[in-house]
Amino acid sequence: MWWIKYNITLRWGSFGSSDAISKVVLKDARHYEISMRTWSDWLELNVNRTKTKLFFMSLSPFHTNGEHFDGHSCYNETKPVSKKDYWSIQTDREMMGIAESTIERLKGRGLHVQYLNITHLSDYRRDAHVSMSRNLSYLKNRESLINNPQQYADCVHWCLPGVPDVWNIILYHYIINT
């Protein structure tokens, strides 16, 4: 999830060398756009258009450390969001737009990529995160975390079976029916 972090450390040279250069840069959608352009350029040059099916799955929605979204975290959530046209406040719609426009440009150049938008679909399922249902025994400060579940809830990973299985079913459908 390098593209989501607020700061990225870029390094040049050998990591163990004293002459290595490190630079911290702020998160910017431009970095994601550059990576998407590099990906699309590679596809255009290296993919056999007559034999290859291409799929791109959007980002899994997340909110770290039980951060609030619309006044809630994933802790103690037991039902999906029922609000029509719901988007989590942490869903980066700009990043989604970059992916979608990259795929549209590829289509204009004769490369069809099937875009699987799992972000919006999964945003509704804040109840499906692992939350507190995970092994804390290896953590030294587990008691303080257990006593503060709102802050500690794991709202990045998903329960299985669950939402990731739906992503696989969608992908399977496109593979079989295209």
C-alpha atoms as a PDB file:
ATOM      1  CA  MET A   1       0.000   0.000   0.000  1.00  0.00           C
ATOM      2  CA  TRP A   2       2.917   2.328  -0.768  1.00  0.00           C
ATOM      3  CA  TRP A   3       0.705   4.701  -2.752  1.00  0.00           C
ATOM      4  CA  ILE A   4      -1.536   5.369   0.260  1.00  0.00           C
ATOM      5  CA  LYS A   5       1.116   6.376   2.807  1.00  0.00           C
ATOM      6  CA  TYR A   6       1.475  10.088   3.451  1.00  0.00           C
ATOM      7  CA  ASN A   7       5.249  10.052   2.987  1.00  0.00           C
ATOM      8  CA  ILE A   8       7.357   7.869   0.729  1.00  0.00           C
ATOM      9  CA  THR A   9      11.116   7.424   1.140  1.00  0.00           C
ATOM     10  CA  LEU A  10      12.950   7.135  -2.168  1.00  0.00           C
ATOM     11  CA  ARG A  11      16.448   5.641  -2.046  1.00  0.00           C
ATOM     12  CA  TRP A  12      19.234   5.581  -4.612  1.00  0.00           C
ATOM     13  CA  GLY A  13      22.386   3.500  -4.405  1.00  0.00           C
ATOM     14  CA  SER A  14      23.204   0.655  -2.038  1.00  0.00           C
ATOM     15  CA  PHE A  15      21.237   0.666   1.223  1.00  0.00           C
ATOM     16  CA  GLY A  16      24.310  -0.222   3.281  1.00  0.00           C
ATOM     17  CA  SER A  17      26.562   2.333   1.597  1.00  0.00           C
ATOM     18  CA  SER A  18      27.451   5.659   3.194  1.00  0.00           C
ATOM     19  CA  ASP A  19      27.002   7.408  -0.171  1.00  0.00           C
ATOM     20  CA  ALA A  20      23.388   6.221  -0.593  1.00  0.00           C
ATOM     21  CA  ILE A  21      20.872   9.007  -1.100  1.00  0.00           C
ATOM     22  CA  SER A  22      17.453   9.081   0.569  1.00  0.00           C
ATOM     23  CA  LYS A  23      14.695  11.566  -0.074  1.00  0.00           C
ATOM     24  CA  VAL A  24      11.300  11.757   1.644  1.00  0.00           C
ATOM     25  CA  VAL A  25       8.488  12.907  -0.629  1.00  0.00           C
ATOM     26  CA  LEU A  26       4.877  13.583   0.276  1.00  0.00           C
ATOM     27  CA  LYS A  27       2.102  11.320  -0.931  1.00  0.00           C
ATOM     28  CA  ASP A  28       0.664  12.664  -4.104  1.00  0.00           C
ATOM     29  CA  ALA A  29      -1.729  11.176  -6.600  1.00  0.00           C
ATOM     30  CA  ARG A  30       0.922  12.042  -9.185  1.00  0.00           C
ATOM     31  CA  HIS A  31       3.058   9.105  -7.968  1.00  0.00           C
ATOM     32  CA  TYR A  32       0.187   6.725  -8.561  1.00  0.00           C
ATOM     33  CA  GLU A  33      -0.435   8.285 -11.962  1.00  0.00           C
ATOM     34  CA  ILE A  34       3.220   7.752 -12.930  1.00  0.00           C
ATOM     35  CA  SER A  35       3.040   4.090 -11.870  1.00  0.00           C
ATOM     36  CA  MET A  36      -0.192   3.612 -13.837  1.00  0.00           C
ATOM     37  CA  ARG A  37       1.354   5.204 -16.920  1.00  0.00           C
ATOM     38  CA  THR A  38       4.417   2.944 -16.609  1.00  0.00           C
ATOM     39  CA  TRP A  39       2.100  -0.065 -16.307  1.00  0.00           C
ATOM     40  CA  SER A  40       0.038   0.972 -19.331  1.00  0.00           C
ATOM     41  CA  ASP A  41       3.153   1.615 -21.437  1.00  0.00           C
ATOM     42  CA  TRP A  42       4.456  -1.843 -20.543  1.00  0.00           C
ATOM     43  CA  LEU A  43       1.120  -3.438 -21.492  1.00  0.00           C
ATOM     44  CA  GLU A  44       1.046  -1.664 -24.815  1.00  0.00           C
ATOM     45  CA  LEU A  45       4.495  -2.975 -25.728  1.00  0.00           C
ATOM     46  CA  ASN A  46       4.416  -6.473 -24.248  1.00  0.00           C
ATOM     47  CA  VAL A  47       0.896  -7.905 -24.347  1.00  0.00           C
ATOM     48  CA  ASN A  48      -0.411 -10.086 -27.134  1.00  0.00           C
ATOM     49  CA  ARG A  49      -3.773  -8.405 -27.767  1.00  0.00           C
ATOM     50  CA  THR A  50      -5.308 -11.425 -29.463  1.00  0.00           C
ATOM     51  CA  LYS A  51      -4.494 -13.991 -26.768  1.00  0.00           C
ATOM     52  CA  THR A  52      -4.513 -12.069 -23.490  1.00  0.00           C
ATOM     53  CA  LYS A  53      -7.388 -11.051 -21.221  1.00  0.00           C
ATOM     54  CA  LEU A  54      -6.480  -8.080 -19.049  1.00  0.00           C
ATOM     55  CA  PHE A  55      -8.088  -7.251 -15.721  1.00  0.00           C
ATOM     56  CA  PHE A  56      -7.490  -4.393 -13.304  1.00  0.00           C
ATOM     57  CA  MET A  57      -8.989  -4.476  -9.840  1.00  0.00           C
ATOM     58  CA  SER A  58      -9.429  -1.179  -7.994  1.00  0.00           C
ATOM     59  CA  LEU A  59      -8.081  -0.575  -4.496  1.00  0.00           C
ATOM     60  CA  SER A  60      -9.512  -2.294  -1.460  1.00  0.00           C
ATOM     61  CA  PRO A  61     -11.019   0.374   0.794  1.00  0.00           C
ATOM     62  CA  PHE A  62      -9.434   0.712   4.204  1.00  0.00           C
ATOM     63  CA  HIS A  63      -9.160   2.947   7.227  1.00  0.00           C
ATOM     64  CA  THR A  64      -6.147   2.432   9.434  1.00  0.00           C
ATOM     65  CA  ASN A  65      -6.117   2.017  13.202  1.00  0.00           C
ATOM     66  CA  GLY A  66      -9.889   2.150  13.462  1.00  0.00           C
ATOM     67  CA  GLU A  67      -9.991   5.707  12.180  1.00  0.00           C
ATOM     68  CA  HIS A  68     -13.464   7.100  11.950  1.00  0.00           C
ATOM     69  CA  PHE A  69     -15.387   7.270   8.723  1.00  0.00           C
ATOM     70  CA  ASP A  70     -18.734   9.007   8.836  1.00  0.00           C
ATOM     71  CA  GLY A  71     -18.516   8.922  12.625  1.00  0.00           C
ATOM     72  CA  HIS A  72     -17.781   5.176  12.854  1.00  0.00           C
ATOM     73  CA  SER A  73     -14.900   2.747  12.834  1.00  0.00           C
ATOM     74  CA  CYS A  74     -15.224  -0.901  11.908  1.00  0.00           C
ATOM     75  CA  TYR A  75     -15.242  -1.883  15.588  1.00  0.00           C
ATOM     76  CA  ASN A  76     -18.565  -3.430  16.650  1.00  0.00           C
ATOM     77  CA  GLU A  77     -20.095  -2.960  13.197  1.00  0.00           C
ATOM     78  CA  THR A  78     -22.544  -5.785  12.503  1.00  0.00           C
ATOM     79  CA  LYS A  79     -24.360  -4.630   9.367  1.00  0.00           C
ATOM     80  CA  PRO A  80     -23.339  -3.261   5.975  1.00  0.00           C
ATOM     81  CA  VAL A  81     -23.883   0.416   5.246  1.00  0.00           C
ATOM     82  CA  SER A  82     -27.377   0.830   3.816  1.00  0.00           C
ATOM     83  CA  LYS A  83     -27.081   4.426   2.611  1.00  0.00           C
ATOM     84  CA  LYS A  84     -27.499   4.684  -1.184  1.00  0.00           C
ATOM     85  CA  ASP A  85     -24.434   6.000  -3.085  1.00  0.00           C
ATOM     86  CA  TYR A  86     -22.284   5.713   0.042  1.00  0.00           C
ATOM     87  CA  TRP A  87     -18.561   6.478  -0.159  1.00  0.00           C
ATOM     88  CA  SER A  88     -16.268   6.255   2.849  1.00  0.00           C
ATOM     89  CA  ILE A  89     -14.557   9.570   3.564  1.00  0.00           C
ATOM     90  CA  GLN A  90     -11.199   7.782   3.277  1.00  0.00           C
ATOM     91  CA  THR A  91     -11.847   6.301  -0.156  1.00  0.00           C
ATOM     92  CA  ASP A  92      -9.489   8.081  -2.517  1.00  0.00           C
ATOM     93  CA  ARG A  93     -11.722   8.782  -5.484  1.00  0.00           C
ATOM     94  CA  GLU A  94      -8.932  10.720  -7.193  1.00  0.00           C
ATOM     95  CA  MET A  95      -6.829   7.541  -7.306  1.00  0.00           C
ATOM     96  CA  MET A  96      -9.795   5.641  -8.725  1.00  0.00           C
ATOM     97  CA  GLY A  97     -10.178   8.330 -11.391  1.00  0.00           C
ATOM     98  CA  ILE A  98      -6.515   7.945 -12.359  1.00  0.00           C
ATOM     99  CA  ALA A  99      -6.938   4.178 -12.789  1.00  0.00           C
ATOM    100  CA  GLU A 100     -10.148   4.613 -14.767  1.00  0.00           C
ATOM    101  CA  SER A 101      -8.663   7.243 -17.102  1.00  0.00           C
ATOM    102  CA  THR A 102      -5.558   5.074 -17.654  1.00  0.00           C
ATOM    103  CA  ILE A 103      -7.785   2.162 -18.655  1.00  0.00           C
ATOM    104  CA  GLU A 104      -9.798   4.431 -20.979  1.00  0.00           C
ATOM    105  CA  ARG A 105      -6.564   5.613 -22.661  1.00  0.00           C
ATOM    106  CA  LEU A 106      -5.526   1.984 -23.168  1.00  0.00           C
ATOM    107  CA  LYS A 107      -8.906   1.252 -24.746  1.00  0.00           C
ATOM    108  CA  GLY A 108      -8.340   4.150 -27.156  1.00  0.00           C
ATOM    109  CA  ARG A 109      -5.027   2.529 -28.139  1.00  0.00           C
ATOM    110  CA  GLY A 110      -6.677  -0.835 -28.817  1.00  0.00           C
ATOM    111  CA  LEU A 111      -5.983  -2.557 -25.487  1.00  0.00           C
ATOM    112  CA  HIS A 112      -9.093  -3.639 -23.616  1.00  0.00           C
ATOM    113  CA  VAL A 113      -8.668  -3.909 -19.838  1.00  0.00           C
ATOM    114  CA  GLN A 114     -11.672  -5.068 -17.827  1.00  0.00           C
ATOM    115  CA  TYR A 115     -11.932  -2.739 -14.831  1.00  0.00           C
ATOM    116  CA  LEU A 116     -13.243  -4.417 -11.675  1.00  0.00           C
ATOM    117  CA  ASN A 117     -14.385  -1.687  -9.300  1.00  0.00           C
ATOM    118  CA  ILE A 118     -14.314  -3.471  -5.966  1.00  0.00           C
ATOM    119  CA  THR A 119     -13.713  -0.242  -4.028  1.00  0.00           C
ATOM    120  CA  HIS A 120     -17.238   1.117  -4.096  1.00  0.00           C
ATOM    121  CA  LEU A 121     -18.763  -2.326  -3.591  1.00  0.00           C
ATOM    122  CA  SER A 122     -16.537  -3.051  -0.584  1.00  0.00           C
ATOM    123  CA  ASP A 123     -16.990   0.400   0.978  1.00  0.00           C
ATOM    124  CA  TYR A 124     -20.460  -0.696   2.078  1.00  0.00           C
ATOM    125  CA  ARG A 125     -19.030  -3.581   4.125  1.00  0.00           C
ATOM    126  CA  ARG A 126     -17.397  -1.868   7.108  1.00  0.00           C
ATOM    127  CA  ASP A 127     -18.862  -4.751   9.116  1.00  0.00           C
ATOM    128  CA  ALA A 128     -16.659  -7.291   7.305  1.00  0.00           C
ATOM    129  CA  HIS A 129     -13.261  -6.195   8.615  1.00  0.00           C
ATOM    130  CA  VAL A 130     -11.319  -8.326  11.072  1.00  0.00           C
ATOM    131  CA  SER A 131     -11.690  -5.555  13.683  1.00  0.00           C
ATOM    132  CA  MET A 132     -10.750  -7.149  17.036  1.00  0.00           C
ATOM    133  CA  SER A 133     -11.036 -10.766  15.871  1.00  0.00           C
ATOM    134  CA  ARG A 134      -7.353 -11.479  15.592  1.00  0.00           C
ATOM    135  CA  ASN A 135      -4.519 -12.894  17.642  1.00  0.00           C
ATOM    136  CA  LEU A 136      -3.036 -10.240  19.942  1.00  0.00           C
ATOM    137  CA  SER A 137      -0.907 -12.612  22.035  1.00  0.00           C
ATOM    138  CA  TYR A 138       2.349 -11.551  20.357  1.00  0.00           C
ATOM    139  CA  LEU A 139       1.892  -7.853  21.204  1.00  0.00           C
ATOM    140  CA  LYS A 140       3.540  -6.468  24.343  1.00  0.00           C
ATOM    141  CA  ASN A 141       0.903  -3.769  24.829  1.00  0.00           C
ATOM    142  CA  ARG A 142      -2.102  -5.999  24.064  1.00  0.00           C
ATOM    143  CA  GLU A 143      -3.960  -5.083  27.278  1.00  0.00           C
ATOM    144  CA  SER A 144      -3.991  -1.379  26.422  1.00  0.00           C
ATOM    145  CA  LEU A 145      -5.128  -2.196  22.889  1.00  0.00           C
ATOM    146  CA  ILE A 146      -7.909  -4.466  24.090  1.00  0.00           C
ATOM    147  CA  ASN A 147      -9.083  -1.696  26.411  1.00  0.00           C
ATOM    148  CA  ASN A 148      -9.166   0.788  23.511  1.00  0.00           C
ATOM    149  CA  PRO A 149     -10.728  -1.158  20.637  1.00  0.00           C
ATOM    150  CA  GLN A 150     -11.979   1.921  18.817  1.00  0.00           C
ATOM    151  CA  GLN A 151      -8.351   2.902  18.112  1.00  0.00           C
ATOM    152  CA  TYR A 152      -6.942  -0.570  17.590  1.00  0.00           C
ATOM    153  CA  ALA A 153      -9.584  -2.226  15.424  1.00  0.00           C
ATOM    154  CA  ASP A 154      -8.055  -3.740  12.276  1.00  0.00           C
ATOM    155  CA  CYS A 155      -9.991  -2.041   9.501  1.00  0.00           C
ATOM    156  CA  VAL A 156      -7.564  -2.980   6.718  1.00  0.00           C
ATOM    157  CA  HIS A 157      -7.899  -6.766   6.570  1.00  0.00           C
ATOM    158  CA  TRP A 158     -11.074  -8.662   5.747  1.00  0.00           C
ATOM    159  CA  CYS A 159     -12.765 -11.668   7.378  1.00  0.00           C
ATOM    160  CA  LEU A 160     -12.745 -14.884   5.373  1.00  0.00           C
ATOM    161  CA  PRO A 161     -14.941 -16.150   3.948  1.00  0.00           C
ATOM    162  CA  GLY A 162     -16.282 -12.765   2.987  1.00  0.00           C
ATOM    163  CA  VAL A 163     -15.672  -9.727   0.832  1.00  0.00           C
ATOM    164  CA  PRO A 164     -12.489 -11.000  -0.908  1.00  0.00           C
ATOM    165  CA  ASP A 165     -14.447 -14.082  -1.983  1.00  0.00           C
ATOM    166  CA  VAL A 166     -16.953 -11.782  -3.701  1.00  0.00           C
ATOM    167  CA  TRP A 167     -14.056 -10.126  -5.548  1.00  0.00           C
ATOM    168  CA  ASN A 168     -12.971 -13.567  -6.746  1.00  0.00           C
ATOM    169  CA  ILE A 169     -16.490 -14.431  -7.884  1.00  0.00           C
ATOM    170  CA  ILE A 170     -16.650 -11.202  -9.899  1.00  0.00           C
ATOM    171  CA  LEU A 171     -13.263 -11.929 -11.479  1.00  0.00           C
ATOM    172  CA  TYR A 172     -14.291 -15.514 -12.222  1.00  0.00           C
ATOM    173  CA  HIS A 173     -17.468 -14.264 -13.915  1.00  0.00           C
ATOM    174  CA  TYR A 174     -15.474 -11.977 -16.202  1.00  0.00           C
ATOM    175  CA  ILE A 175     -12.928 -14.677 -17.028  1.00  0.00           C
ATOM    176  CA  ILE A 176     -15.645 -17.176 -17.971  1.00  0.00           C
ATOM    177  CA  ASN A 177     -17.977 -14.763 -19.769  1.00  0.00           C
ATOM    178  CA  THR A 178     -15.609 -12.594 -21.824  1.00  0.00           C
END
